[in-house]
Amino acid sequence: MLDLLVRNVRALTVSDERPRAHTVGVLHGRIVGLDEEVEGLAARTVVDGGGAVLTPGFADAHNHMVWYGLSLAEIDLSGCRTLDELYDTVAARAAELPSDAWVIGSKYDDFVLGGHPDRAALDRAGGGRAVWLKHRSAHMCTVSSAILAQAGVLDGSARVPEGGVVARDDDGAPTGLLAEQAQQLVDALVKPYPVEELAAAIERAAKVYVSEGLTAVTEAGIGGGWIGHSPAEATAYHLARERGALPLRVELMPASEVLHPLGGNPVDTGTIGVDLGLRSGFGDEFLRLGPMKIFTDGALSSRTAALTEPFCSHGGLGVLQDDPKVLRDTIVAAHRSGWRVAAHAIGDRAIDLTLDAFEEAQRVLPRPDVRHRIEHAAMVRPDQLPRLVALGVVPVPQARFLYEIGDTMAEALGEARVPWLYRQKSFVDAGLRVPGSSDRPCVGVGAPLAGLRSMIERTTSAGVVLSPDERVGAEEALRAYTAHPAWASHQEHERGRLAAGLRADMVLLDDDPTAVPSERISEIGVLATFVGGRCVHGAEGLRAEGPVPV
């Protein structure tokens, strides 16, 4: 007897062998057959889909789940259109808090506001409290005088980490803006976060994710650097799972800062890692280690991405996050130690460095089909495309950025380089598989269906189409959020399609994202989400005979 039979659906299987189906059978968390293979079998629960569309569960190949969950408890500044509106919002929150409490907000956009918040204005709005406002890119933040004083910036005692920038006015006084590694000055005042707080953030994020049809995500950096929240961040995920608060599959990228020499036998190839020699792939179906995350540069919106030619606005070539040799040596050592590598590289100069390191790593120790990644791969020159293919690199761009900050990025790069920006079809035509991702909470809307729409349209919030030749069709966009993230994680034989033997991760939609006009894709409703055959969202709305497994 089957555990679950889902019938009367329009299933988009994302499988070449059988692209469409109407019935799916599930046993012990896996799909056992489609249509005539299961129609005559009895099941403990039979769900009538009523003609709704069933797809593989959505996956997000690059997100920050803890950070997003924390942001849900912070002031959401994404709706502020002027600096005065931002200051009023800060003042309203400050009035609700004790005098020694921090006022924390996130997702402000200096392009929309017309500039970054002013430190003196934050001091007034916060009533002298510590005010910490995070830029939507995550590569910058603005803080009040109280924080600058605690961090030692005002009295000059602070040691700014390499790759960090403390912005100053014409008189040399700090403005409150901290970029890149300089944000660690604030981190040192609040981190590590309590594991209980992080577990609660994971639970908050997970509820949103499954409501959007997400069944698997990759957490892009934990444990160290400015991206991590605690050295025990993985423990928070374990705790959430033990409590039943982690209903979807998570792959964890440790930040490169947590890696250290292992001191193993001299004949071993592994030289760096985490304790006990754990590496990419360790874990189980719900929680596992993914690639090692390393930052090579900054971001386009903050003009800190490392370029070969200057930015058109404000000039400059951006910055590398460390000495190029140190970055290359870290990537090579991680490769030798059995890690997959996920290198954050946005500018073309940073991408050059990353590809050189991947090439050197394969010369030192050939590892076929390792699937190293370049996170964002935001501006890839034409001459870099063949190198990505030759090295088998997985580019992980975020199409949604084009809508939310595409106008800003286009201004920074200039017309000649816009065709390089967050490519999609060029990658696909070259034979690369491009997983979909959001980089949430660095985007205001991280839902997978919104990401699909941006892949198809490539339209900015101002209505400008950026590089229409880089658009992909709806079916490729669906693959990007289902099959391709599974492949990028070496999980293509476990999830990502509706096929016998794969895990029963599925999402029931009220319309077909491959058939409706693109402007309607982000409005499609998620009726139910299944992970391993269990309904983790929408069970109460299903038409079912027998108990719905939850």
Protein backbone atom coordinates (compact mmCIF):
# COMPACT_ATOMS: atom_id res chain seq x y z
CA MET A 1 0.00 0.00 0.00
CA LEU A 2 1.24 3.47 -0.90
CA ASP A 3 1.59 6.16 1.73
CA LEU A 4 0.28 8.86 -0.62
CA LEU A 5 -1.35 9.06 -4.01
CA VAL A 6 -1.73 12.49 -5.63
CA ARG A 7 -4.07 12.36 -8.59
CA ASN A 8 -5.97 14.67 -10.93
CA VAL A 9 -3.03 17.05 -11.31
CA ARG A 10 -1.18 18.59 -14.22
CA ALA A 11 2.31 17.48 -13.26
CA LEU A 12 5.35 19.16 -14.78
CA THR A 13 7.94 16.51 -14.00
CA VAL A 14 11.07 18.35 -15.32
CA SER A 15 12.09 14.92 -16.57
CA ASP A 16 12.83 14.24 -20.23
CA GLU A 17 11.60 10.64 -20.00
CA ARG A 18 8.06 11.71 -19.07
CA PRO A 19 7.58 15.50 -19.13
CA ARG A 20 3.91 15.41 -18.07
CA ALA A 21 1.88 13.26 -15.71
CA HIS A 22 -1.42 13.31 -13.85
CA THR A 23 -0.85 10.92 -10.92
CA VAL A 24 2.08 10.48 -8.51
CA GLY A 25 2.54 7.64 -6.02
CA VAL A 26 4.67 7.93 -2.88
CA LEU A 27 6.04 5.30 -0.49
CA HIS A 28 8.49 5.87 2.38
CA GLY A 29 9.16 9.43 1.26
CA ARG A 30 10.03 8.59 -2.35
CA ILE A 31 8.16 8.63 -5.61
CA VAL A 32 7.51 5.06 -6.73
CA GLY A 33 5.75 5.71 -10.01
CA LEU A 34 3.64 7.95 -12.21
CA ASP A 35 0.26 7.54 -13.94
CA GLU A 36 -0.46 3.93 -14.98
CA GLU A 37 2.41 2.68 -12.78
CA VAL A 38 0.48 3.57 -9.61
CA GLU A 39 -3.15 4.24 -10.57
CA GLY A 40 -4.40 0.82 -9.48
CA LEU A 41 -2.59 0.81 -6.15
CA ALA A 42 -4.23 1.41 -2.80
CA ALA A 43 -2.97 4.30 -0.65
CA ARG A 44 -3.41 5.39 2.95
CA THR A 45 -4.05 8.91 1.69
CA VAL A 46 -5.41 9.97 -1.68
CA VAL A 47 -5.20 13.67 -2.56
CA ASP A 48 -7.36 15.01 -5.38
CA GLY A 49 -5.50 17.94 -6.91
CA GLY A 50 -8.57 19.24 -8.69
CA GLY A 51 -6.58 19.95 -11.84
CA ALA A 52 -3.93 22.02 -10.07
CA VAL A 53 -0.33 22.04 -11.30
CA LEU A 54 2.23 19.84 -9.54
CA THR A 55 5.96 20.52 -9.93
CA PRO A 56 9.10 19.35 -8.18
CA GLY A 57 9.72 21.28 -4.98
CA PHE A 58 11.50 24.57 -5.54
CA ALA A 59 15.11 24.98 -4.41
CA ASP A 60 17.13 28.11 -3.68
CA ALA A 61 20.83 27.55 -4.39
CA HIS A 62 22.07 30.65 -2.54
CA ASN A 63 20.25 32.20 0.39
CA HIS A 64 20.99 33.30 3.95
CA MET A 65 18.35 31.58 6.02
CA VAL A 66 19.50 32.61 9.49
CA TRP A 67 20.07 36.17 8.40
CA TYR A 68 16.64 36.30 6.73
CA GLY A 69 14.99 34.87 9.84
CA LEU A 70 16.71 37.50 11.97
CA SER A 71 15.61 40.24 9.57
CA LEU A 72 11.98 39.25 10.11
CA ALA A 73 12.34 40.59 13.66
CA GLU A 74 14.04 43.83 12.48
CA ILE A 75 12.65 47.03 10.97
CA ASP A 76 11.99 46.45 7.28
CA LEU A 77 13.33 49.57 5.56
CA SER A 78 12.75 48.40 2.00
CA GLY A 79 9.58 50.46 1.75
CA CYS A 80 11.23 53.74 2.72
CA ARG A 81 11.38 56.11 -0.26
CA THR A 82 13.10 59.09 1.41
CA LEU A 83 15.66 59.58 4.15
CA ASP A 84 13.12 61.51 6.22
CA GLU A 85 10.77 58.53 6.04
CA LEU A 86 13.62 56.27 7.19
CA TYR A 87 14.43 58.55 10.12
CA ASP A 88 10.76 58.64 11.14
CA THR A 89 10.64 54.84 11.01
CA VAL A 90 13.73 54.58 13.20
CA ALA A 91 12.31 57.11 15.66
CA ALA A 92 9.03 55.21 15.93
CA ARG A 93 10.82 51.96 16.76
CA ALA A 94 13.21 53.68 19.18
CA ALA A 95 10.26 55.11 21.12
CA GLU A 96 9.13 51.55 21.86
CA LEU A 97 12.50 50.43 23.25
CA PRO A 98 14.47 50.92 26.47
CA SER A 99 17.21 53.54 26.37
CA ASP A 100 19.96 50.88 26.25
CA ALA A 101 18.36 48.79 23.48
CA TRP A 102 19.67 48.64 19.92
CA VAL A 103 17.50 49.84 17.05
CA ILE A 104 18.16 47.43 14.17
CA GLY A 105 16.82 47.79 10.64
CA SER A 106 17.60 46.18 7.31
CA LYS A 107 17.14 46.46 3.53
CA TYR A 108 17.58 50.20 3.06
CA ASP A 109 18.54 51.25 -0.48
CA ASP A 110 20.68 54.36 -0.89
CA PHE A 111 19.77 54.54 -4.60
CA VAL A 112 16.08 54.90 -3.72
CA LEU A 113 16.70 57.16 -0.73
CA GLY A 114 19.09 59.44 -2.57
CA GLY A 115 21.99 58.65 -0.25
CA HIS A 116 23.02 56.80 2.88
CA PRO A 117 21.56 57.78 6.26
CA ASP A 118 23.40 60.54 8.11
CA ARG A 119 24.99 59.64 11.44
CA ALA A 120 23.83 62.80 13.20
CA ALA A 121 20.28 62.27 11.98
CA LEU A 122 20.37 58.68 13.26
CA ASP A 123 21.58 59.95 16.63
CA ARG A 124 18.53 62.23 16.82
CA ALA A 125 16.06 59.63 15.51
CA GLY A 126 17.35 56.97 17.88
CA GLY A 127 17.43 59.26 20.88
CA GLY A 128 21.12 58.53 21.37
CA ARG A 129 20.59 54.78 21.17
CA ALA A 130 22.73 52.38 19.19
CA VAL A 131 21.23 52.37 15.68
CA TRP A 132 22.35 49.76 13.16
CA LEU A 133 20.88 49.90 9.66
CA LYS A 134 21.91 47.23 7.17
CA HIS A 135 22.12 47.99 3.46
CA ARG A 136 20.10 45.75 1.19
CA SER A 137 23.32 44.45 -0.42
CA ALA A 138 24.68 43.29 2.98
CA HIS A 139 28.02 44.73 1.94
CA MET A 140 27.43 47.98 3.83
CA CYS A 141 25.71 49.29 6.93
CA THR A 142 25.19 52.66 8.58
CA VAL A 143 25.45 53.08 12.34
CA SER A 144 24.95 55.79 14.92
CA SER A 145 27.59 57.48 17.04
CA ALA A 146 26.87 55.17 19.95
CA ILE A 147 28.04 52.18 17.92
CA LEU A 148 31.04 53.99 16.45
CA ALA A 149 32.08 54.89 19.98
CA GLN A 150 31.75 51.32 21.26
CA ALA A 151 33.67 50.03 18.23
CA GLY A 152 36.55 52.44 18.83
CA VAL A 153 36.08 54.35 15.57
CA LEU A 154 35.52 57.74 17.17
CA ASP A 155 38.63 57.66 19.34
CA GLY A 156 40.76 56.03 16.64
CA SER A 157 41.43 52.81 18.58
CA ALA A 158 39.57 50.57 16.12
CA ARG A 159 41.58 48.31 13.85
CA VAL A 160 39.76 48.16 10.53
CA PRO A 161 40.08 44.69 8.98
CA GLU A 162 41.75 44.44 5.59
CA GLY A 163 39.22 44.94 2.84
CA GLY A 164 37.07 47.16 5.07
CA VAL A 165 36.17 50.82 4.54
CA VAL A 166 35.12 53.37 7.17
CA ALA A 167 33.58 56.22 5.18
CA ARG A 168 34.57 59.74 6.21
CA ASP A 169 33.41 63.22 5.28
CA ASP A 170 35.57 66.02 3.88
CA ASP A 171 36.75 66.88 7.39
CA GLY A 172 37.82 63.30 8.08
CA ALA A 173 34.99 62.52 10.48
CA PRO A 174 33.31 59.09 10.12
CA THR A 175 29.90 59.33 8.48
CA GLY A 176 28.61 56.13 10.05
CA LEU A 177 28.87 54.14 6.80
CA LEU A 178 30.87 50.91 7.13
CA ALA A 179 31.60 48.84 4.02
CA GLU A 180 32.69 45.24 3.52
CA GLN A 181 35.02 43.89 6.24
CA ALA A 182 34.63 47.08 8.31
CA GLN A 183 31.23 45.69 9.30
CA GLN A 184 33.12 43.30 11.56
CA LEU A 185 33.57 46.25 13.91
CA VAL A 186 29.83 46.04 14.59
CA ASP A 187 29.80 42.25 14.51
CA ALA A 188 32.32 42.18 17.34
CA LEU A 189 29.80 44.01 19.54
CA VAL A 190 26.88 41.62 18.98
CA LYS A 191 28.32 38.26 17.99
CA PRO A 192 28.18 35.42 18.63
CA TYR A 193 24.41 35.31 18.74
CA PRO A 194 22.84 32.85 21.19
CA VAL A 195 22.08 29.52 19.52
CA GLU A 196 18.47 29.72 20.78
CA GLU A 197 18.02 33.03 18.95
CA LEU A 198 19.42 31.56 15.75
CA ALA A 199 17.20 28.48 15.98
CA ALA A 200 14.18 30.76 16.36
CA ALA A 201 15.30 32.71 13.28
CA ILE A 202 15.59 29.47 11.29
CA GLU A 203 12.08 28.51 12.31
CA ARG A 204 10.69 31.89 11.22
CA ALA A 205 12.42 31.66 7.86
CA ALA A 206 11.36 28.06 7.28
CA LYS A 207 7.69 28.92 7.66
CA VAL A 208 7.98 31.53 4.93
CA TYR A 209 10.03 29.27 2.68
CA VAL A 210 7.65 26.32 2.63
CA SER A 211 4.71 28.68 2.07
CA GLU A 212 6.48 29.70 -1.16
CA GLY A 213 7.04 26.11 -2.30
CA LEU A 214 10.68 25.82 -1.25
CA THR A 215 11.73 22.31 -0.25
CA ALA A 216 15.54 22.72 -0.33
CA VAL A 217 17.90 25.64 0.19
CA THR A 218 21.63 26.25 0.39
CA GLU A 219 22.73 28.45 3.29
CA ALA A 220 25.54 30.54 1.80
CA GLY A 221 27.95 30.99 4.67
CA ILE A 222 27.88 30.10 8.35
CA GLY A 223 30.20 30.11 11.32
CA GLY A 224 32.77 32.77 10.47
CA GLY A 225 33.64 36.07 8.83
CA TRP A 226 31.08 38.84 8.59
CA ILE A 227 28.58 36.41 7.09
CA GLY A 228 28.47 34.07 10.10
CA HIS A 229 26.47 34.63 13.28
CA SER A 230 28.08 32.17 15.68
CA PRO A 231 30.87 29.59 15.67
CA ALA A 232 28.09 27.18 16.70
CA GLU A 233 25.75 28.16 13.86
CA ALA A 234 25.40 24.57 12.64
CA THR A 235 24.19 23.67 16.13
CA ALA A 236 21.27 26.06 15.66
CA TYR A 237 20.22 24.10 12.58
CA HIS A 238 20.47 20.82 14.48
CA LEU A 239 18.40 22.31 17.30
CA ALA A 240 15.71 23.53 14.90
CA ARG A 241 15.57 20.11 13.29
CA GLU A 242 15.32 18.30 16.65
CA ARG A 243 12.35 20.52 17.51
CA GLY A 244 10.59 19.78 14.23
CA ALA A 245 11.11 23.37 13.10
CA LEU A 246 13.18 22.56 10.00
CA PRO A 247 10.67 21.18 7.49
CA LEU A 248 12.88 21.51 4.41
CA ARG A 249 16.31 20.30 3.29
CA VAL A 250 19.31 22.55 3.99
CA GLU A 251 22.87 22.45 2.68
CA LEU A 252 25.31 24.47 4.79
CA MET A 253 28.29 26.39 3.38
CA PRO A 254 30.90 26.94 6.09
CA ALA A 255 32.68 30.28 5.74
CA SER A 256 36.35 29.88 4.86
CA GLU A 257 37.29 31.60 8.13
CA VAL A 258 36.27 28.49 10.10
CA LEU A 259 38.69 26.24 8.22
CA HIS A 260 42.02 25.50 9.89
CA PRO A 261 45.01 23.17 9.49
CA LEU A 262 44.03 19.61 10.40
CA GLY A 263 47.46 18.27 11.30
CA GLY A 264 46.79 14.90 9.69
CA ASN A 265 49.23 12.35 8.32
CA PRO A 266 51.73 13.90 5.86
CA VAL A 267 50.61 11.53 3.11
CA ASP A 268 47.02 12.83 3.26
CA THR A 269 45.97 15.36 0.63
CA GLY A 270 43.70 17.16 3.07
CA THR A 271 45.45 20.10 4.68
CA ILE A 272 42.61 22.29 5.95
CA GLY A 273 39.08 21.64 7.15
CA VAL A 274 36.80 21.63 10.15
CA ASP A 275 37.28 19.36 13.13
CA LEU A 276 37.23 15.60 12.53
CA GLY A 277 37.98 16.26 8.88
CA LEU A 278 34.34 16.79 7.94
CA ARG A 279 33.89 18.11 4.41
CA SER A 280 31.37 18.66 1.61
CA GLY A 281 28.73 15.94 1.55
CA PHE A 282 28.78 15.03 5.25
CA GLY A 283 25.30 14.80 6.74
CA ASP A 284 21.96 13.31 5.78
CA GLU A 285 18.98 14.04 3.59
CA PHE A 286 17.84 17.05 5.64
CA LEU A 287 21.06 18.68 6.84
CA ARG A 288 24.43 18.35 5.16
CA LEU A 289 27.67 20.20 4.54
CA GLY A 290 27.98 21.84 1.16
CA PRO A 291 30.83 23.84 -0.39
CA MET A 292 33.32 26.02 1.43
CA LYS A 293 32.35 29.69 0.99
CA ILE A 294 35.07 32.22 0.24
CA PHE A 295 34.66 35.90 -0.54
CA THR A 296 36.94 37.24 -3.26
CA ASP A 297 35.36 40.69 -3.72
CA GLY A 298 32.45 42.93 -2.74
CA ALA A 299 29.30 44.02 -4.57
CA LEU A 300 28.25 46.14 -7.53
CA SER A 301 25.76 48.29 -5.62
CA SER A 302 28.43 49.29 -3.12
CA ARG A 303 31.06 49.76 -5.91
CA THR A 304 33.27 47.22 -4.12
CA ALA A 305 33.21 44.43 -6.72
CA ALA A 306 36.68 43.88 -8.20
CA LEU A 307 36.74 45.02 -11.84
CA THR A 308 39.38 45.13 -14.55
CA GLU A 309 38.11 48.56 -15.72
CA PRO A 310 36.80 51.33 -13.44
CA PHE A 311 33.18 51.85 -12.48
CA CYS A 312 31.47 54.45 -14.65
CA SER A 313 30.05 56.25 -11.63
CA HIS A 314 32.37 57.18 -8.75
CA GLY A 315 35.32 55.50 -10.53
CA GLY A 316 37.56 52.97 -8.85
CA LEU A 317 38.20 49.28 -9.52
CA GLY A 318 36.58 47.91 -6.38
CA VAL A 319 38.47 45.70 -3.95
CA LEU A 320 39.58 42.12 -3.51
CA GLN A 321 38.81 40.77 -0.06
CA ASP A 322 42.38 39.67 0.58
CA ASP A 323 45.78 39.38 -1.05
CA PRO A 324 45.29 37.48 -4.36
CA LYS A 325 47.84 34.83 -3.37
CA VAL A 326 46.06 34.20 -0.07
CA LEU A 327 42.74 33.81 -1.88
CA ARG A 328 44.22 31.41 -4.45
CA ASP A 329 46.01 29.36 -1.79
CA THR A 330 42.81 29.02 0.25
CA ILE A 331 40.83 27.80 -2.75
CA VAL A 332 43.54 25.30 -3.75
CA ALA A 333 43.92 23.99 -0.19
CA ALA A 334 40.15 23.53 0.15
CA HIS A 335 40.05 21.66 -3.16
CA ARG A 336 42.91 19.39 -2.05
CA SER A 337 41.07 18.69 1.19
CA GLY A 338 37.96 17.36 -0.55
CA TRP A 339 35.79 20.46 -0.35
CA ARG A 340 33.70 21.83 -3.12
CA VAL A 341 34.35 25.55 -3.29
CA ALA A 342 31.76 28.30 -3.61
CA ALA A 343 33.66 31.49 -4.41
CA HIS A 344 31.77 34.76 -4.10
CA ALA A 345 33.00 36.60 -7.21
CA ILE A 346 30.99 39.44 -8.73
CA GLY A 347 33.41 41.59 -10.74
CA ASP A 348 35.26 40.25 -13.76
CA ARG A 349 38.64 40.72 -12.05
CA ALA A 350 37.47 38.56 -9.13
CA ILE A 351 36.16 35.98 -11.59
CA ASP A 352 39.56 35.88 -13.31
CA LEU A 353 41.23 35.20 -9.97
CA THR A 354 38.72 32.49 -9.10
CA LEU A 355 39.06 30.69 -12.43
CA ASP A 356 42.86 30.81 -12.15
CA ALA A 357 42.61 29.23 -8.69
CA PHE A 358 40.23 26.50 -9.87
CA GLU A 359 42.56 25.72 -12.77
CA GLU A 360 45.57 25.55 -10.48
CA ALA A 361 43.68 23.34 -8.05
CA GLN A 362 42.86 20.82 -10.77
CA ARG A 363 46.51 20.74 -11.85
CA VAL A 364 47.61 20.05 -8.28
CA LEU A 365 44.95 17.37 -7.68
CA PRO A 366 42.58 16.43 -10.52
CA ARG A 367 39.02 15.88 -9.23
CA PRO A 368 36.62 15.04 -12.05
CA ASP A 369 33.10 16.51 -11.87
CA VAL A 370 33.82 18.37 -8.63
CA ARG A 371 31.34 21.18 -9.50
CA HIS A 372 33.04 24.15 -7.90
CA ARG A 373 30.83 27.22 -7.98
CA ILE A 374 31.03 30.95 -8.57
CA GLU A 375 28.42 32.66 -6.44
CA HIS A 376 26.76 35.56 -8.29
CA ALA A 377 29.10 35.51 -11.35
CA ALA A 378 27.61 38.94 -11.90
CA MET A 379 29.70 40.30 -14.77
CA VAL A 380 31.24 37.60 -16.93
CA ARG A 381 33.19 38.76 -19.98
CA PRO A 382 32.77 36.81 -23.24
CA ASP A 383 36.32 35.45 -22.98
CA GLN A 384 35.57 34.03 -19.52
CA LEU A 385 32.65 31.88 -20.70
CA PRO A 386 34.80 29.13 -22.30
CA ARG A 387 36.88 28.91 -19.14
CA LEU A 388 33.80 28.30 -17.00
CA VAL A 389 32.79 25.48 -19.35
CA ALA A 390 36.27 23.93 -19.52
CA LEU A 391 36.57 23.88 -15.74
CA GLY A 392 33.02 22.62 -15.17
CA VAL A 393 32.21 25.59 -12.95
CA VAL A 394 28.64 26.19 -11.79
CA PRO A 395 27.64 29.87 -12.08
CA VAL A 396 25.05 30.92 -9.50
CA PRO A 397 23.54 34.28 -10.55
CA GLN A 398 20.45 35.93 -9.03
CA ALA A 399 18.08 37.16 -11.73
CA ARG A 400 15.87 38.96 -9.23
CA PHE A 401 18.64 41.51 -8.66
CA LEU A 402 17.94 42.77 -12.18
CA TYR A 403 14.48 43.91 -11.14
CA GLU A 404 15.35 45.28 -7.74
CA ILE A 405 18.73 46.97 -8.33
CA GLY A 406 19.38 46.49 -12.04
CA ASP A 407 19.13 50.21 -12.79
CA THR A 408 21.79 50.94 -10.17
CA MET A 409 24.11 48.24 -11.50
CA ALA A 410 23.67 49.34 -15.11
CA GLU A 411 24.60 52.91 -14.15
CA ALA A 412 27.70 51.67 -12.33
CA LEU A 413 28.94 49.55 -15.25
CA GLY A 414 27.93 51.55 -18.30
CA GLU A 415 26.23 50.50 -21.51
CA ALA A 416 29.19 48.53 -22.92
CA ARG A 417 29.30 46.13 -19.95
CA VAL A 418 25.58 45.68 -19.32
CA PRO A 419 25.47 42.60 -21.64
CA TRP A 420 27.83 40.85 -19.18
CA LEU A 421 25.47 41.48 -16.26
CA TYR A 422 23.90 38.46 -14.55
CA ARG A 423 23.97 36.35 -17.69
CA GLN A 424 21.55 33.46 -18.10
CA LYS A 425 21.05 32.31 -21.67
CA SER A 426 24.76 32.62 -22.52
CA PHE A 427 25.49 30.15 -19.73
CA VAL A 428 22.75 27.78 -20.87
CA ASP A 429 23.78 27.96 -24.52
CA ALA A 430 27.35 27.14 -23.48
CA GLY A 431 26.11 23.96 -21.83
CA LEU A 432 26.21 25.14 -18.21
CA ARG A 433 23.46 24.34 -15.72
CA VAL A 434 22.42 27.47 -13.87
CA PRO A 435 20.69 26.98 -10.52
CA GLY A 436 18.15 29.56 -9.42
CA SER A 437 18.68 31.50 -6.23
CA SER A 438 17.65 34.64 -4.41
CA ASP A 439 20.50 35.73 -2.09
CA ARG A 440 17.71 36.52 0.34
CA PRO A 441 17.52 38.78 2.33
CA CYS A 442 19.67 40.87 -0.06
CA VAL A 443 16.54 41.03 -2.23
CA GLY A 444 13.22 42.38 -1.09
CA VAL A 445 11.28 39.53 -2.68
CA GLY A 446 13.03 36.15 -2.60
CA ALA A 447 10.14 33.87 -3.59
CA PRO A 448 11.07 31.34 -6.30
CA LEU A 449 8.19 32.31 -8.58
CA ALA A 450 9.42 35.91 -8.56
CA GLY A 451 12.85 34.60 -9.52
CA LEU A 452 11.37 32.64 -12.43
CA ARG A 453 9.68 35.75 -13.71
CA SER A 454 12.91 37.77 -13.60
CA MET A 455 14.79 35.08 -15.52
CA ILE A 456 12.19 35.29 -18.26
CA GLU A 457 11.71 39.09 -18.36
CA ARG A 458 15.02 40.66 -17.17
CA THR A 459 13.12 43.88 -16.49
CA THR A 460 14.23 46.47 -13.94
CA SER A 461 11.88 48.23 -11.54
CA ALA A 462 12.06 51.22 -13.91
CA GLY A 463 10.79 49.06 -16.76
CA VAL A 464 14.10 48.74 -18.62
CA VAL A 465 14.94 45.36 -20.15
CA LEU A 466 18.59 44.53 -19.49
CA SER A 467 20.20 42.39 -22.19
CA PRO A 468 17.07 40.81 -23.70
CA ASP A 469 19.30 38.24 -25.44
CA GLU A 470 19.99 36.77 -21.99
CA ARG A 471 16.34 35.89 -21.37
CA VAL A 472 15.42 32.22 -20.98
CA GLY A 473 12.12 30.47 -21.53
CA ALA A 474 9.73 29.43 -18.78
CA GLU A 475 10.67 25.75 -18.89
CA GLU A 476 14.38 26.53 -18.45
CA ALA A 477 13.50 28.89 -15.60
CA LEU A 478 11.54 26.09 -13.93
CA ARG A 479 14.54 23.77 -14.29
CA ALA A 480 16.67 26.47 -12.71
CA TYR A 481 14.58 26.33 -9.54
CA THR A 482 14.16 22.54 -9.43
CA ALA A 483 16.59 20.22 -11.23
CA HIS A 484 19.63 22.51 -11.52
CA PRO A 485 20.09 23.28 -7.79
CA ALA A 486 19.95 19.54 -7.10
CA TRP A 487 22.63 18.94 -9.73
CA ALA A 488 24.81 21.73 -8.34
CA SER A 489 24.70 19.96 -4.97
CA HIS A 490 25.47 16.50 -6.43
CA GLN A 491 21.89 15.54 -5.52
CA GLU A 492 20.42 14.99 -8.98
CA HIS A 493 19.72 11.34 -8.16
CA GLU A 494 17.86 12.35 -4.99
CA ARG A 495 15.66 15.34 -5.83
CA GLY A 496 14.79 17.99 -8.38
CA ARG A 497 12.42 16.04 -10.65
CA LEU A 498 9.22 14.03 -10.37
CA ALA A 499 10.51 10.55 -11.21
CA ALA A 500 10.51 7.10 -9.67
CA GLY A 501 13.17 6.69 -7.00
CA LEU A 502 13.54 10.39 -6.19
CA ARG A 503 12.40 12.01 -2.98
CA ALA A 504 8.78 13.14 -3.01
CA ASP A 505 9.48 16.87 -2.76
CA MET A 506 6.60 18.55 -4.59
CA VAL A 507 4.66 21.80 -4.78
CA LEU A 508 1.02 22.18 -5.80
CA LEU A 509 0.28 25.44 -7.66
CA ASP A 510 -2.95 27.05 -8.75
CA ASP A 511 -1.61 27.73 -12.25
CA ASP A 512 1.11 26.67 -14.68
CA PRO A 513 4.27 28.85 -14.58
CA THR A 514 5.28 27.60 -18.03
CA ALA A 515 1.97 28.56 -19.63
CA VAL A 516 0.73 31.82 -18.09
CA PRO A 517 1.96 35.24 -19.26
CA SER A 518 5.22 36.03 -17.49
CA GLU A 519 3.74 38.97 -15.58
CA ARG A 520 1.39 36.53 -13.82
CA ILE A 521 4.02 34.02 -12.69
CA SER A 522 4.81 35.77 -9.41
CA GLU A 523 1.07 35.87 -8.62
CA ILE A 524 0.62 32.08 -8.83
CA GLY A 525 -0.58 30.69 -5.51
CA VAL A 526 1.19 27.89 -3.65
CA LEU A 527 -1.58 25.52 -2.56
CA ALA A 528 0.57 22.91 -0.81
CA THR A 529 4.19 21.94 -0.31
CA PHE A 530 5.39 18.35 0.24
CA VAL A 531 8.81 17.31 1.52
CA GLY A 532 9.47 13.58 1.41
CA GLY A 533 5.74 13.01 0.94
CA ARG A 534 4.82 15.00 4.07
CA CYS A 535 2.66 18.08 3.60
CA VAL A 536 4.58 20.89 5.30
CA HIS A 537 2.31 23.67 4.04
CA GLY A 538 -1.33 23.80 2.99
CA ALA A 539 -2.57 20.49 4.41
CA GLU A 540 -5.80 22.06 5.65
CA GLY A 541 -6.81 23.07 2.12
CA LEU A 542 -6.31 19.68 0.42
CA ARG A 543 -9.12 17.46 -0.73
CA ALA A 544 -8.04 14.13 0.68
CA GLU A 545 -9.30 10.69 1.51
CA GLY A 546 -7.46 9.54 4.62
CA PRO A 547 -5.08 11.47 6.89
CA VAL A 548 -2.71 13.86 5.13
CA PRO A 549 0.87 13.01 6.22
CA VAL A 550 2.33 16.06 7.96
